[in-house]
Amino acid sequence: MTSLVEDLLSLARTPAPTFAEEARLAWLEEALESASPAPVVILMHHPPFPTGIAYMDVVGLETAYPLEPIIRRYPNVERILCGHVHRTIVRRYGGTLAVTCPSPAHQVALDFAAGAPACFVMEPPGYLLHRWSEDEGFTTYAAVLGDYDGPYRFYEPGATPG
């Protein structure tokens, strides 16, 4: 498993990539090519897709161009893992899954209204746990932090589930 970490924040802020953006994209393409066919996880702070939460999208990547076509060329990209939004969002992107992680503090308010103010809510803190195995591939688990009652058995010992 290979992890690639790069700050791709400025990508797609302009109609055509700048020289610095082109260098980052070239670096990513080279890294993906050299890792192929091994599984790869790309880690980036801002999600490469619009989330629908307007006040968060304004300070993130505004469009998938030109990153998405590069990702699509490498089917060994298992996940794109992101933060920034303080909320779990899963979306198909470039032929793989892009996932944003919840926050261990506050969560961003889930408000799709145009012009909604930037707000947070005190929902339970959370995290994502990622598990890789050669046999099963990549699995992502969402969990919340806190003390909760349990665990409780679904069945009494010796009972047959049915």
C-alpha atoms as a PDB file:
ATOM      1  CA  MET A   1       0.000   0.000   0.000  1.00  0.00           C
ATOM      2  CA  THR A   2       1.397   3.378  -1.025  1.00  0.00           C
ATOM      3  CA  SER A   3       0.220   6.687   0.460  1.00  0.00           C
ATOM      4  CA  LEU A   4       0.628   9.894  -1.515  1.00  0.00           C
ATOM      5  CA  VAL A   5       0.298  13.195   0.313  1.00  0.00           C
ATOM      6  CA  GLU A   6       0.277  16.476  -1.558  1.00  0.00           C
ATOM      7  CA  ASP A   7      -1.254  19.900  -1.071  1.00  0.00           C
ATOM      8  CA  LEU A   8      -3.436  20.249  -4.129  1.00  0.00           C
ATOM      9  CA  LEU A   9      -5.497  23.156  -2.749  1.00  0.00           C
ATOM     10  CA  SER A  10      -4.774  25.615  -5.530  1.00  0.00           C
ATOM     11  CA  LEU A  11      -5.725  23.266  -8.344  1.00  0.00           C
ATOM     12  CA  ALA A  12      -8.679  24.363 -10.449  1.00  0.00           C
ATOM     13  CA  ARG A  13      -8.817  27.887  -9.026  1.00  0.00           C
ATOM     14  CA  THR A  14      -8.121  29.185 -12.536  1.00  0.00           C
ATOM     15  CA  PRO A  15      -9.373  28.041 -15.957  1.00  0.00           C
ATOM     16  CA  ALA A  16      -5.946  26.585 -16.800  1.00  0.00           C
ATOM     17  CA  PRO A  17      -3.380  25.177 -14.375  1.00  0.00           C
ATOM     18  CA  THR A  18      -0.505  27.470 -13.451  1.00  0.00           C
ATOM     19  CA  PHE A  19       3.114  26.328 -13.664  1.00  0.00           C
ATOM     20  CA  ALA A  20       3.123  25.313  -9.965  1.00  0.00           C
ATOM     21  CA  GLU A  21      -0.106  23.375 -10.404  1.00  0.00           C
ATOM     22  CA  GLU A  22       1.272  21.651 -13.500  1.00  0.00           C
ATOM     23  CA  ALA A  23       4.330  20.629 -11.465  1.00  0.00           C
ATOM     24  CA  ARG A  24       2.099  19.162  -8.735  1.00  0.00           C
ATOM     25  CA  LEU A  25       0.007  17.289 -11.277  1.00  0.00           C
ATOM     26  CA  ALA A  26       3.159  15.974 -12.955  1.00  0.00           C
ATOM     27  CA  TRP A  27       4.475  14.841  -9.559  1.00  0.00           C
ATOM     28  CA  LEU A  28       1.204  13.046  -8.832  1.00  0.00           C
ATOM     29  CA  GLU A  29       1.135  11.361 -12.231  1.00  0.00           C
ATOM     30  CA  GLU A  30       4.749  10.204 -11.821  1.00  0.00           C
ATOM     31  CA  ALA A  31       4.059   8.896  -8.312  1.00  0.00           C
ATOM     32  CA  LEU A  32       0.954   7.008  -9.483  1.00  0.00           C
ATOM     33  CA  GLU A  33       2.810   5.572 -12.455  1.00  0.00           C
ATOM     34  CA  SER A  34       5.728   4.384 -10.320  1.00  0.00           C
ATOM     35  CA  ALA A  35       3.385   2.834  -7.732  1.00  0.00           C
ATOM     36  CA  SER A  36       1.230   1.012 -10.286  1.00  0.00           C
ATOM     37  CA  PRO A  37      -0.138  -1.639  -9.974  1.00  0.00           C
ATOM     38  CA  ALA A  38       0.231  -1.539  -6.164  1.00  0.00           C
ATOM     39  CA  PRO A  39      -2.724  -0.124  -4.210  1.00  0.00           C
ATOM     40  CA  VAL A  40      -2.497   3.617  -3.529  1.00  0.00           C
ATOM     41  CA  VAL A  41      -4.241   5.957  -1.097  1.00  0.00           C
ATOM     42  CA  ILE A  42      -4.112   9.700  -1.809  1.00  0.00           C
ATOM     43  CA  LEU A  43      -4.369  12.001   1.219  1.00  0.00           C
ATOM     44  CA  MET A  44      -5.322  15.635   0.799  1.00  0.00           C
ATOM     45  CA  HIS A  45      -6.840  18.225   3.077  1.00  0.00           C
ATOM     46  CA  HIS A  46      -9.542  19.647   0.798  1.00  0.00           C
ATOM     47  CA  PRO A  47     -11.884  17.267  -1.024  1.00  0.00           C
ATOM     48  CA  PRO A  48     -11.501  17.382  -4.818  1.00  0.00           C
ATOM     49  CA  PHE A  49     -15.264  17.623  -5.331  1.00  0.00           C
ATOM     50  CA  PRO A  50     -18.030  20.044  -4.389  1.00  0.00           C
ATOM     51  CA  THR A  51     -19.698  18.877  -1.175  1.00  0.00           C
ATOM     52  CA  GLY A  52     -22.925  20.837  -1.537  1.00  0.00           C
ATOM     53  CA  ILE A  53     -22.102  22.837   1.603  1.00  0.00           C
ATOM     54  CA  ALA A  54     -21.506  26.158  -0.139  1.00  0.00           C
ATOM     55  CA  TYR A  55     -19.481  27.942   2.553  1.00  0.00           C
ATOM     56  CA  MET A  56     -17.062  24.999   2.695  1.00  0.00           C
ATOM     57  CA  ASP A  57     -16.831  24.587  -1.075  1.00  0.00           C
ATOM     58  CA  VAL A  58     -15.753  28.230  -1.465  1.00  0.00           C
ATOM     59  CA  VAL A  59     -12.497  27.540   0.391  1.00  0.00           C
ATOM     60  CA  GLY A  60     -11.834  24.150  -1.173  1.00  0.00           C
ATOM     61  CA  LEU A  61     -11.266  22.823  -4.648  1.00  0.00           C
ATOM     62  CA  GLU A  62     -13.940  24.257  -6.875  1.00  0.00           C
ATOM     63  CA  THR A  63     -13.880  21.666  -9.631  1.00  0.00           C
ATOM     64  CA  ALA A  64     -12.474  18.260 -10.456  1.00  0.00           C
ATOM     65  CA  TYR A  65     -10.495  19.512 -13.455  1.00  0.00           C
ATOM     66  CA  PRO A  66      -7.645  18.677 -14.003  1.00  0.00           C
ATOM     67  CA  LEU A  67      -7.141  16.165 -11.164  1.00  0.00           C
ATOM     68  CA  GLU A  68      -9.967  13.749 -11.948  1.00  0.00           C
ATOM     69  CA  PRO A  69      -8.665  12.529 -15.350  1.00  0.00           C
ATOM     70  CA  ILE A  70      -5.324  11.650 -13.751  1.00  0.00           C
ATOM     71  CA  ILE A  71      -6.987   9.645 -10.969  1.00  0.00           C
ATOM     72  CA  ARG A  72      -9.216   7.882 -13.501  1.00  0.00           C
ATOM     73  CA  ARG A  73      -6.155   6.566 -15.389  1.00  0.00           C
ATOM     74  CA  TYR A  74      -4.993   4.644 -12.297  1.00  0.00           C
ATOM     75  CA  PRO A  75      -7.505   2.017 -11.129  1.00  0.00           C
ATOM     76  CA  ASN A  76      -5.088   1.081  -8.329  1.00  0.00           C
ATOM     77  CA  VAL A  77      -6.105   4.271  -6.448  1.00  0.00           C
ATOM     78  CA  GLU A  78      -8.103   2.707  -3.613  1.00  0.00           C
ATOM     79  CA  ARG A  79      -9.255   5.907  -1.891  1.00  0.00           C
ATOM     80  CA  ILE A  80      -8.808   9.639  -1.761  1.00  0.00           C
ATOM     81  CA  LEU A  81      -8.938  10.583   1.928  1.00  0.00           C
ATOM     82  CA  CYS A  82      -9.740  14.182   2.830  1.00  0.00           C
ATOM     83  CA  GLY A  83     -10.508  16.396   5.790  1.00  0.00           C
ATOM     84  CA  HIS A  84     -11.551  20.052   5.835  1.00  0.00           C
ATOM     85  CA  VAL A  85     -15.326  19.537   5.913  1.00  0.00           C
ATOM     86  CA  HIS A  86     -15.549  18.077   9.459  1.00  0.00           C
ATOM     87  CA  ARG A  87     -18.242  15.683   8.267  1.00  0.00           C
ATOM     88  CA  THR A  88     -18.305  12.225   6.680  1.00  0.00           C
ATOM     89  CA  ILE A  89     -19.021  12.433   2.958  1.00  0.00           C
ATOM     90  CA  VAL A  90     -18.459   9.587   0.493  1.00  0.00           C
ATOM     91  CA  ARG A  91     -18.480  10.225  -3.238  1.00  0.00           C
ATOM     92  CA  ARG A  92     -17.401   8.440  -6.399  1.00  0.00           C
ATOM     93  CA  TYR A  93     -14.599  10.461  -7.993  1.00  0.00           C
ATOM     94  CA  GLY A  94     -12.249   9.597 -10.820  1.00  0.00           C
ATOM     95  CA  GLY A  95     -13.239   5.918 -10.707  1.00  0.00           C
ATOM     96  CA  THR A  96     -12.510   5.540  -6.982  1.00  0.00           C
ATOM     97  CA  LEU A  97     -14.040   6.656  -3.685  1.00  0.00           C
ATOM     98  CA  ALA A  98     -13.249  10.023  -2.175  1.00  0.00           C
ATOM     99  CA  VAL A  99     -14.055  10.246   1.536  1.00  0.00           C
ATOM    100  CA  THR A 100     -14.050  13.187   3.931  1.00  0.00           C
ATOM    101  CA  CYS A 101     -13.527  12.548   7.621  1.00  0.00           C
ATOM    102  CA  PRO A 102     -15.611  13.791  10.546  1.00  0.00           C
ATOM    103  CA  SER A 103     -13.943  15.911  13.188  1.00  0.00           C
ATOM    104  CA  PRO A 104     -12.879  14.799  16.661  1.00  0.00           C
ATOM    105  CA  ALA A 105     -14.304  18.191  17.779  1.00  0.00           C
ATOM    106  CA  HIS A 106     -17.311  19.948  16.201  1.00  0.00           C
ATOM    107  CA  GLN A 107     -18.968  19.031  12.885  1.00  0.00           C
ATOM    108  CA  VAL A 108     -19.790  21.440  10.070  1.00  0.00           C
ATOM    109  CA  ALA A 109     -23.527  22.113   9.896  1.00  0.00           C
ATOM    110  CA  LEU A 110     -25.127  20.058   7.140  1.00  0.00           C
ATOM    111  CA  ASP A 111     -26.877  22.921   5.380  1.00  0.00           C
ATOM    112  CA  PHE A 112     -27.371  22.849   1.589  1.00  0.00           C
ATOM    113  CA  ALA A 113     -29.134  26.236   1.401  1.00  0.00           C
ATOM    114  CA  ALA A 114     -27.532  28.768  -0.906  1.00  0.00           C
ATOM    115  CA  GLY A 115     -26.034  31.578   1.146  1.00  0.00           C
ATOM    116  CA  ALA A 116     -26.220  29.630   4.408  1.00  0.00           C
ATOM    117  CA  PRO A 117     -23.945  31.069   7.112  1.00  0.00           C
ATOM    118  CA  ALA A 118     -20.846  29.132   8.106  1.00  0.00           C
ATOM    119  CA  CYS A 119     -21.911  27.204  11.206  1.00  0.00           C
ATOM    120  CA  PHE A 120     -20.833  24.224  13.242  1.00  0.00           C
ATOM    121  CA  VAL A 121     -22.832  21.844  15.430  1.00  0.00           C
ATOM    122  CA  MET A 122     -21.819  19.920  18.508  1.00  0.00           C
ATOM    123  CA  GLU A 123     -22.612  16.486  17.083  1.00  0.00           C
ATOM    124  CA  PRO A 124     -20.578  13.620  18.505  1.00  0.00           C
ATOM    125  CA  PRO A 125     -16.913  13.767  17.573  1.00  0.00           C
ATOM    126  CA  GLY A 126     -15.887  11.142  15.074  1.00  0.00           C
ATOM    127  CA  TYR A 127     -13.137   9.550  13.066  1.00  0.00           C
ATOM    128  CA  LEU A 128     -12.597   7.104  10.226  1.00  0.00           C
ATOM    129  CA  LEU A 129     -10.626   3.909  10.601  1.00  0.00           C
ATOM    130  CA  HIS A 130      -9.152   2.468   7.402  1.00  0.00           C
ATOM    131  CA  ARG A 131      -8.234  -1.196   7.161  1.00  0.00           C
ATOM    132  CA  TRP A 132      -6.233  -2.794   4.373  1.00  0.00           C
ATOM    133  CA  SER A 133      -5.680  -6.476   3.715  1.00  0.00           C
ATOM    134  CA  GLU A 134      -4.406  -8.258   0.623  1.00  0.00           C
ATOM    135  CA  ASP A 135      -7.410 -10.600   0.650  1.00  0.00           C
ATOM    136  CA  GLU A 136     -10.207  -8.106   1.313  1.00  0.00           C
ATOM    137  CA  GLY A 137      -8.819  -4.823   0.002  1.00  0.00           C
ATOM    138  CA  PHE A 138      -9.605  -1.475   1.564  1.00  0.00           C
ATOM    139  CA  THR A 139     -12.418  -1.004   4.100  1.00  0.00           C
ATOM    140  CA  THR A 140     -13.363   2.251   5.824  1.00  0.00           C
ATOM    141  CA  TYR A 141     -15.222   2.342   9.152  1.00  0.00           C
ATOM    142  CA  ALA A 142     -16.916   5.437  10.616  1.00  0.00           C
ATOM    143  CA  ALA A 143     -17.015   5.717  14.407  1.00  0.00           C
ATOM    144  CA  VAL A 144     -17.906   8.273  17.056  1.00  0.00           C
ATOM    145  CA  LEU A 145     -15.891   9.135  20.139  1.00  0.00           C
ATOM    146  CA  GLY A 146     -17.458   8.932  23.567  1.00  0.00           C
ATOM    147  CA  ASP A 147     -18.510   6.646  26.375  1.00  0.00           C
ATOM    148  CA  TYR A 148     -21.641   4.652  25.566  1.00  0.00           C
ATOM    149  CA  ASP A 149     -23.379   1.725  27.264  1.00  0.00           C
ATOM    150  CA  GLY A 150     -22.570  -1.728  25.938  1.00  0.00           C
ATOM    151  CA  PRO A 151     -21.554  -3.839  24.252  1.00  0.00           C
ATOM    152  CA  TYR A 152     -24.609  -6.064  24.605  1.00  0.00           C
ATOM    153  CA  ARG A 153     -24.927  -9.546  23.148  1.00  0.00           C
ATOM    154  CA  PHE A 154     -27.416 -10.023  20.351  1.00  0.00           C
ATOM    155  CA  TYR A 155     -27.897 -13.650  21.408  1.00  0.00           C
ATOM    156  CA  GLU A 156     -27.472 -15.597  24.607  1.00  0.00           C
ATOM    157  CA  PRO A 157     -24.379 -17.807  24.670  1.00  0.00           C
ATOM    158  CA  GLY A 158     -25.153 -21.096  22.941  1.00  0.00           C
ATOM    159  CA  ALA A 159     -28.269 -19.734  21.170  1.00  0.00           C
ATOM    160  CA  THR A 160     -28.568 -20.203  17.416  1.00  0.00           C
ATOM    161  CA  PRO A 161     -28.865 -16.882  15.549  1.00  0.00           C
ATOM    162  CA  GLY A 162     -31.730 -17.002  13.172  1.00  0.00           C
END
